[in-house]
Amino acid sequence: MTPWRPRSKSGRYKVLLALVILAGAALLAWVAVSLTKAASIGKDALEQANRIIALGPRPCGSEAHQKAQAAIVEKLTSSGMAVDQDHFTAKTPVGSVPMNNIIGRIPGRGGISQRTIILATHYDTKLVRDFRFVGANDGGSGTGLLLALAPLLVKQNYRHNIWLVFLDGEEAFREWSATDSLYGSRHMAGELKARGIAPQIGAFILLDMVGDADLGILQDSNSTPWLRDLVWKAAARLGYSKHFLSTGTAMEDDHMPFLQAGIPSVDVIDFDYGPGNSYWHTVHDTADKLSAQSLQIVGDVVLETLSELDGQ
């Protein structure tokens, strides 16, 4: 039998070097997978948005609008979510219009009594008779991003309940006013408050016009300050400060009824779409103006923000 001898220093160094190489390879593989996953959010979001945009103009009650609803429900269901559809009739300046808020629910591991975090967007487009308005960014981009996030969120095992909410009737039928706008969000916020559920909503994060290739998310002064700051700090940690601006304005958007119901809410919106916001509500709001990179950036910030909220 050969007697045992201590391993030489060179032998130990070789083993150590091998371990370092293996650890480095594992780290590089993890980074590669993470980057691929992050990149796929933007790519998939753009693909999902393009499917919705391809349906054409989607004003409430139209055939394309109904097809968009079916596409949203199918994607959420196939992602493993329980889906609720809240059909209601809205009184508008053009008469009674059928509408439908779609809610995909992911139960948290903390149980039904745990807080709920809502990610929301609107999927309708403004009724325009003078030209073909497909709402690529305004209605399409947020919808595409939430649909791309759906299968990822289902796998995250969050402590909190997560709802993906696709709001109907955001757009005014004639002139924007307190009664001619935000039909779906006013309906849902009213329901949550009437049923005593509003206090269980820990945060409402609205995504609107988030696909602009020249992305610049404004700070909305109407949003809940601590939640807005949380989103902006998440963006800074990820190196996206140049896209989440230090300037802003007061936005009237689908977050307003939730704020009025006492729910912490933030509007993530790029309201500088084209030179001087010239693409907004025009024939120029088309799919070629969207960017997978912009959708990836917003998606990354959403996931980072959710992680932060889930730890609270």
Protein backbone atom coordinates (compact mmCIF):
# COMPACT_ATOMS: atom_id res chain seq x y z
CA MET A 1 0.00 0.00 0.00
CA THR A 2 1.35 3.42 -0.92
CA PRO A 3 1.68 5.64 2.14
CA TRP A 4 -0.42 8.84 2.22
CA ARG A 5 1.53 11.99 1.44
CA PRO A 6 0.37 15.60 1.72
CA ARG A 7 -0.68 17.10 -1.59
CA SER A 8 1.91 19.45 -3.07
CA LYS A 9 1.33 23.19 -3.17
CA SER A 10 1.20 23.10 -6.94
CA GLY A 11 -1.50 20.44 -6.73
CA ARG A 12 -3.55 22.51 -4.33
CA TYR A 13 -3.19 25.56 -6.59
CA LYS A 14 -4.40 23.53 -9.57
CA VAL A 15 -7.48 22.40 -7.65
CA LEU A 16 -8.14 25.96 -6.48
CA LEU A 17 -7.71 27.27 -10.01
CA ALA A 18 -10.12 24.66 -11.33
CA LEU A 19 -12.70 25.65 -8.71
CA VAL A 20 -12.29 29.33 -9.59
CA ILE A 21 -12.72 28.55 -13.29
CA LEU A 22 -15.84 26.48 -12.59
CA ALA A 23 -17.30 29.21 -10.39
CA GLY A 24 -16.54 31.82 -13.05
CA ALA A 25 -18.16 29.70 -15.74
CA ALA A 26 -21.23 29.22 -13.57
CA LEU A 27 -21.43 32.97 -12.95
CA LEU A 28 -21.09 33.74 -16.66
CA ALA A 29 -23.79 31.19 -17.46
CA TRP A 30 -26.10 32.76 -14.85
CA VAL A 31 -25.46 36.23 -16.28
CA ALA A 32 -26.08 34.97 -19.81
CA VAL A 33 -29.38 33.36 -18.79
CA SER A 34 -30.41 36.51 -16.90
CA LEU A 35 -29.60 38.75 -19.87
CA THR A 36 -31.39 36.42 -22.27
CA LYS A 37 -34.43 36.37 -20.00
CA ALA A 38 -34.40 40.18 -19.68
CA ALA A 39 -33.97 40.62 -23.41
CA SER A 40 -36.82 38.23 -24.10
CA ILE A 41 -39.21 40.41 -22.09
CA GLY A 42 -38.83 43.26 -24.56
CA LYS A 43 -38.89 41.01 -27.60
CA ASP A 44 -41.99 39.15 -26.43
CA ALA A 45 -43.70 42.36 -25.35
CA LEU A 46 -43.20 43.81 -28.81
CA GLU A 47 -44.56 40.64 -30.41
CA GLN A 48 -47.60 40.67 -28.12
CA ALA A 49 -48.18 44.36 -28.83
CA ASN A 50 -47.93 43.81 -32.58
CA ARG A 51 -50.58 41.07 -32.39
CA ILE A 52 -52.95 43.49 -30.69
CA ILE A 53 -52.07 46.36 -33.04
CA ALA A 54 -52.65 44.13 -36.07
CA LEU A 55 -56.32 43.92 -35.08
CA GLY A 56 -56.63 47.56 -36.08
CA PRO A 57 -58.47 50.36 -34.24
CA ARG A 58 -59.97 49.02 -30.99
CA PRO A 59 -62.56 51.50 -29.73
CA CYS A 60 -64.97 50.11 -27.16
CA GLY A 61 -67.65 47.87 -28.63
CA SER A 62 -65.93 47.31 -31.96
CA GLU A 63 -65.18 43.88 -33.43
CA ALA A 64 -61.43 44.46 -33.06
CA HIS A 65 -62.00 45.44 -29.44
CA GLN A 66 -63.75 42.11 -28.80
CA LYS A 67 -60.91 40.25 -30.53
CA ALA A 68 -58.42 42.04 -28.30
CA GLN A 69 -60.36 40.88 -25.25
CA ALA A 70 -60.26 37.28 -26.47
CA ALA A 71 -56.51 37.50 -27.12
CA ILE A 72 -55.85 38.89 -23.63
CA VAL A 73 -57.96 36.23 -21.92
CA GLU A 74 -56.32 33.44 -23.94
CA LYS A 75 -52.79 34.60 -23.09
CA LEU A 76 -53.51 35.02 -19.38
CA THR A 77 -55.23 31.65 -19.19
CA SER A 78 -52.43 29.86 -21.03
CA SER A 79 -49.96 31.47 -18.61
CA GLY A 80 -51.72 29.72 -15.74
CA MET A 81 -53.75 32.59 -14.32
CA ALA A 82 -57.31 32.60 -13.08
CA VAL A 83 -59.10 35.20 -15.20
CA ASP A 84 -62.13 37.32 -14.32
CA GLN A 85 -64.03 39.47 -16.79
CA ASP A 86 -66.06 42.34 -15.37
CA HIS A 87 -68.59 43.25 -18.06
CA PHE A 88 -70.46 46.50 -17.53
CA THR A 89 -72.26 49.14 -19.55
CA ALA A 90 -70.95 52.69 -19.49
CA LYS A 91 -73.04 55.76 -20.15
CA THR A 92 -71.09 57.89 -22.62
CA PRO A 93 -71.79 60.97 -24.77
CA VAL A 94 -72.42 58.60 -27.70
CA GLY A 95 -74.82 56.39 -25.76
CA SER A 96 -74.53 53.22 -23.70
CA VAL A 97 -71.35 51.27 -24.53
CA PRO A 98 -70.48 47.73 -23.38
CA MET A 99 -67.11 47.49 -21.65
CA ASN A 100 -65.03 44.80 -20.01
CA ASN A 101 -62.26 45.00 -17.43
CA ILE A 102 -60.10 41.87 -17.56
CA ILE A 103 -58.26 40.71 -14.43
CA GLY A 104 -55.63 37.98 -14.26
CA ARG A 105 -54.98 36.82 -10.70
CA ILE A 106 -51.88 35.19 -9.21
CA PRO A 107 -52.40 34.09 -5.59
CA GLY A 108 -49.52 34.88 -3.26
CA ARG A 109 -47.99 32.33 -0.95
CA GLY A 110 -49.05 34.53 1.98
CA GLY A 111 -52.68 33.52 1.49
CA ILE A 112 -55.85 35.28 0.44
CA SER A 113 -55.61 37.81 3.30
CA GLN A 114 -52.25 39.05 2.01
CA ARG A 115 -52.03 42.42 0.26
CA THR A 116 -52.54 42.66 -3.49
CA ILE A 117 -50.30 44.48 -5.95
CA ILE A 118 -51.94 45.56 -9.21
CA LEU A 119 -50.17 46.04 -12.53
CA ALA A 120 -52.52 47.76 -14.95
CA THR A 121 -52.84 49.15 -18.44
CA HIS A 122 -55.67 50.06 -20.84
CA TYR A 123 -56.30 48.14 -24.04
CA ASP A 124 -58.91 50.28 -25.82
CA THR A 125 -58.08 52.91 -28.42
CA LYS A 126 -59.63 56.32 -28.92
CA LEU A 127 -62.63 56.48 -31.24
CA VAL A 128 -61.38 58.45 -34.23
CA ARG A 129 -63.46 58.81 -37.40
CA ASP A 130 -61.10 61.00 -39.46
CA PHE A 131 -58.24 58.53 -39.80
CA ARG A 132 -57.21 54.99 -38.88
CA PHE A 133 -55.93 55.18 -35.29
CA VAL A 134 -54.34 51.89 -34.17
CA GLY A 135 -52.93 53.12 -30.83
CA ALA A 136 -49.62 51.25 -31.06
CA ASN A 137 -48.11 53.01 -28.06
CA ASP A 138 -51.31 54.36 -26.54
CA GLY A 139 -53.10 51.12 -25.69
CA GLY A 140 -50.88 48.60 -27.46
CA SER A 141 -47.54 48.91 -25.67
CA GLY A 142 -48.79 48.50 -22.10
CA THR A 143 -51.01 45.61 -23.14
CA GLY A 144 -48.11 43.87 -24.87
CA LEU A 145 -45.81 44.31 -21.89
CA LEU A 146 -48.28 42.94 -19.35
CA LEU A 147 -49.00 39.95 -21.59
CA ALA A 148 -45.26 39.27 -21.89
CA LEU A 149 -44.80 39.52 -18.12
CA ALA A 150 -47.71 37.19 -17.35
CA PRO A 151 -45.91 33.81 -17.67
CA LEU A 152 -42.87 35.15 -15.82
CA LEU A 153 -44.89 36.48 -12.90
CA VAL A 154 -46.76 33.20 -12.47
CA LYS A 155 -43.44 31.46 -11.75
CA GLN A 156 -42.11 34.00 -9.22
CA ASN A 157 -43.89 32.68 -6.10
CA TYR A 158 -44.55 36.14 -4.68
CA ARG A 159 -45.73 36.50 -1.10
CA HIS A 160 -48.32 39.07 -2.17
CA ASN A 161 -51.22 38.49 -4.53
CA ILE A 162 -50.54 39.90 -8.01
CA TRP A 163 -53.28 41.09 -10.35
CA LEU A 164 -52.76 41.99 -13.99
CA VAL A 165 -55.56 44.38 -14.90
CA PHE A 166 -56.51 45.35 -18.45
CA LEU A 167 -58.78 48.35 -18.14
CA ASP A 168 -61.38 49.28 -20.70
CA GLY A 169 -62.66 52.69 -21.71
CA GLU A 170 -59.71 54.87 -20.79
CA GLU A 171 -60.22 57.15 -23.75
CA ALA A 172 -62.80 59.92 -24.02
CA PHE A 173 -65.46 59.52 -26.71
CA ARG A 174 -65.60 63.26 -27.32
CA GLU A 175 -63.75 65.69 -25.04
CA TRP A 176 -61.79 64.55 -21.98
CA SER A 177 -63.69 65.31 -18.80
CA ALA A 178 -64.44 63.83 -15.39
CA THR A 179 -67.42 61.98 -16.91
CA ASP A 180 -66.06 61.25 -20.38
CA SER A 181 -62.86 59.31 -19.65
CA LEU A 182 -61.44 56.56 -17.43
CA TYR A 183 -64.62 54.47 -17.60
CA GLY A 184 -62.99 51.17 -16.70
CA SER A 185 -60.80 52.51 -13.91
CA ARG A 186 -63.68 54.49 -12.37
CA HIS A 187 -65.81 51.35 -12.46
CA MET A 188 -63.16 49.08 -10.93
CA ALA A 189 -62.02 51.51 -8.23
CA GLY A 190 -65.65 52.07 -7.27
CA GLU A 191 -66.22 48.32 -7.01
CA LEU A 192 -63.13 47.80 -4.86
CA LYS A 193 -64.18 50.59 -2.52
CA ALA A 194 -67.82 49.47 -2.33
CA ARG A 195 -66.80 45.89 -1.50
CA GLY A 196 -64.29 46.99 1.15
CA ILE A 197 -61.35 45.58 -0.81
CA ALA A 198 -59.54 48.87 -1.47
CA PRO A 199 -57.55 48.77 1.82
CA GLN A 200 -56.12 45.38 0.79
CA ILE A 201 -54.54 46.85 -2.36
CA GLY A 202 -50.96 47.68 -1.43
CA ALA A 203 -49.98 49.34 -4.70
CA PHE A 204 -51.41 50.13 -8.14
CA ILE A 205 -48.81 50.48 -10.92
CA LEU A 206 -50.13 51.82 -14.23
CA LEU A 207 -48.23 51.31 -17.49
CA ASP A 208 -49.27 53.67 -20.29
CA MET A 209 -47.40 54.62 -23.47
CA VAL A 210 -44.26 52.71 -22.46
CA GLY A 211 -43.02 51.52 -25.86
CA ASP A 212 -41.66 54.75 -27.38
CA ALA A 213 -38.25 54.08 -28.99
CA ASP A 214 -37.12 57.40 -27.49
CA LEU A 215 -38.16 56.43 -23.97
CA GLY A 216 -38.53 59.13 -21.33
CA ILE A 217 -40.80 58.28 -18.39
CA LEU A 218 -42.04 61.46 -16.71
CA GLN A 219 -42.50 61.87 -12.97
CA ASP A 220 -46.23 62.27 -12.43
CA SER A 221 -46.89 64.67 -9.56
CA ASN A 222 -50.33 63.15 -8.95
CA SER A 223 -48.83 59.75 -8.12
CA THR A 224 -48.26 58.58 -4.54
CA PRO A 225 -44.82 60.02 -3.64
CA TRP A 226 -43.36 56.99 -1.83
CA LEU A 227 -44.43 54.59 -4.58
CA ARG A 228 -43.18 56.87 -7.35
CA ASP A 229 -39.84 57.16 -5.52
CA LEU A 230 -39.68 53.37 -5.17
CA VAL A 231 -40.07 52.95 -8.93
CA TRP A 232 -37.47 55.61 -9.72
CA LYS A 233 -34.96 54.11 -7.27
CA ALA A 234 -35.49 50.71 -8.88
CA ALA A 235 -34.75 52.27 -12.27
CA ALA A 236 -31.60 53.91 -10.90
CA ARG A 237 -30.32 50.62 -9.47
CA LEU A 238 -30.72 49.05 -12.89
CA GLY A 239 -28.90 51.90 -14.63
CA TYR A 240 -31.98 53.33 -16.34
CA SER A 241 -32.00 56.83 -14.86
CA LYS A 242 -31.69 58.47 -18.28
CA HIS A 243 -35.05 56.91 -19.19
CA PHE A 244 -36.80 57.68 -15.88
CA LEU A 245 -36.61 61.44 -15.87
CA SER A 246 -36.31 63.89 -13.00
CA THR A 247 -38.85 66.19 -14.69
CA GLY A 248 -42.56 65.68 -14.99
CA THR A 249 -46.10 66.98 -14.87
CA ALA A 250 -49.49 66.17 -13.37
CA MET A 251 -51.14 63.35 -15.33
CA GLU A 252 -54.84 62.51 -15.43
CA ASP A 253 -54.82 58.82 -16.19
CA ASP A 254 -56.29 55.49 -15.06
CA HIS A 255 -54.51 55.75 -11.70
CA MET A 256 -56.63 58.71 -10.60
CA PRO A 257 -59.79 56.78 -9.52
CA PHE A 258 -57.59 54.39 -7.51
CA LEU A 259 -55.87 57.29 -5.80
CA GLN A 260 -59.29 58.70 -4.95
CA ALA A 261 -60.20 55.30 -3.47
CA GLY A 262 -57.21 55.59 -1.10
CA ILE A 263 -54.97 53.15 -3.00
CA PRO A 264 -51.24 54.03 -3.41
CA SER A 265 -50.80 54.49 -7.15
CA VAL A 266 -48.17 55.47 -9.69
CA ASP A 267 -48.44 56.31 -13.38
CA VAL A 268 -45.50 55.04 -15.45
CA ILE A 269 -45.98 57.02 -18.67
CA ASP A 270 -43.93 58.54 -21.47
CA PHE A 271 -46.06 61.53 -22.39
CA ASP A 272 -43.51 63.00 -24.80
CA TYR A 273 -44.21 60.79 -27.78
CA GLY A 274 -42.63 62.13 -30.95
CA PRO A 275 -41.40 65.72 -31.39
CA GLY A 276 -43.53 67.84 -29.09
CA ASN A 277 -45.71 64.78 -28.30
CA SER A 278 -46.85 64.97 -31.94
CA TYR A 279 -47.49 61.21 -32.34
CA TRP A 280 -50.08 61.07 -29.54
CA HIS A 281 -53.63 60.48 -30.78
CA THR A 282 -52.53 60.80 -34.42
CA VAL A 283 -52.12 58.56 -37.44
CA HIS A 284 -48.41 58.39 -36.55
CA ASP A 285 -48.97 56.20 -33.45
CA THR A 286 -47.95 53.05 -35.32
CA ALA A 287 -46.00 49.89 -34.59
CA ASP A 288 -42.78 51.16 -36.17
CA LYS A 289 -42.47 53.73 -33.34
CA LEU A 290 -42.17 50.99 -30.69
CA SER A 291 -38.95 49.50 -29.37
CA ALA A 292 -38.27 46.12 -27.76
CA GLN A 293 -35.48 47.78 -25.78
CA SER A 294 -37.86 50.35 -24.28
CA LEU A 295 -40.34 47.63 -23.34
CA GLN A 296 -37.50 45.62 -21.80
CA ILE A 297 -36.39 48.60 -19.72
CA VAL A 298 -39.87 49.17 -18.33
CA GLY A 299 -40.34 45.44 -17.78
CA ASP A 300 -37.08 45.22 -15.84
CA VAL A 301 -38.11 48.15 -13.64
CA VAL A 302 -41.53 46.58 -13.01
CA LEU A 303 -39.94 43.30 -11.89
CA GLU A 304 -37.45 45.13 -9.67
CA THR A 305 -40.24 47.21 -8.13
CA LEU A 306 -42.39 44.12 -7.51
CA SER A 307 -39.47 42.43 -5.78
CA GLU A 308 -39.04 45.45 -3.53
CA LEU A 309 -42.75 45.69 -2.71
CA ASP A 310 -42.99 41.97 -2.07
CA GLY A 311 -40.30 42.22 0.57
CA GLN A 312 -42.19 44.87 2.55
